Amino acid sequence: MTATTDTPSLAELQQRAAERAAARAGGTDRLRGHIVCDGLVRIFKTDGVEVVALQGLDLVVDRGELLAIVGASGSGKSTLLNILSGLDVPTAGIARVAGVDLLTMSAKRRLRYRRHMVGFVWQQTARNLLPYLSAKENVELPMRLARRRAGTRPLELLEMVGVAHCADRRPAQMSGGEQQRCAVAVAVANDPEVLFADEPTGELDEATAGEVFGALRTINAELGVTIVVVTHDAQVAAQVRRTVAIRDGRTASEVRRSARVADDGSHELVTEEYALLDRAGRMQLPAAFVDALALRERVKLNLEPDHVEVRRGDGEG
């Protein structure tokens, strides 16, 4: 992928977001570990049946990062998002956002945390906006509830996400994409530390989804807000520096993308995939690898000077 003069490259957007994040944090030494999960467990109990949604999940998100989380239905990604946004309480382990311990918070502190420290965008457009308020009034509402003076900020945020023309329109007078971009403006109205988005493009067509994700990238770059997006959209996941895959309640793999200057001076996007090791040294092999080599039950491991070799067990392969 080559950068153009009109559209900022991924590297340029990341650099801008890092600079804004450093300014918010008061220095680059406070950038790491904005979100920390260590051995995170969530167990649901219904009619005597226990369902383990998260099984010791580990995750670190840097301040100012724009991260995508992917995984099949039931993998635990929405459970993780609900815990980090203060909508659910973990069963065990460590979950911290901006230094706040989500495991030990009281109900009063949890409410304050949701109101001031995090923003949230739902997949269903109807859940994000009040239908009887205009776009501008929807953005103003969380500021009024927090007793903050709105001033020109609502209009500035609407302009930032590209829907300033909808300021006086109610949700029913906006398209689905315009509603979601307005919802992004609402989510950052109180200048939160982190913005969480649960399948924000799930109900939109490809072109409109691109506009909504563009709004998230703009907010990340201009405000330095840390953003975590749960998505099934491969196109969205491919536009962030880091994509983390969750499988069976654990982080399984990670894709990192970085910009590299080619010989002709243009910017190339380099993509590398990694498997993740937990503290016990356990690793999940990508499903495609398992299927390609027909790996079952057990495998043979050989330690080489610079790598570990994995072969089929039982004398096969």
Foldseek 3Di string as FASTA:
>chain_A
DWDDPVDDALQLLLVLLLVLQCVVVVHPVQFWQQKWWFQFWAWDADPNDIDTQAGGATDIDTQLFAEEEEEDPSLNPVVVLCQQLLNDETPDTFIDHNRDTSNPDDPVVSVVCNLAAEFEAEQDLPVQADQVAFLLVLLCVSCVVVPHDQPCLSLVQLVLLPNNVRRRPGPVVDDLLSSLSSSVSSRCSNPHQEYEYEANCVVDDPVSSVSNLVSVSSCSSNNSHHYYYYHPDPVSNVSGQKYWYGGNNYTAKMKGWDWDQDPVRTIDIDIDIGTDQHPVRDHDDPPVVCVVQVADDDWDWDDDPPDIDTGHPPPDD
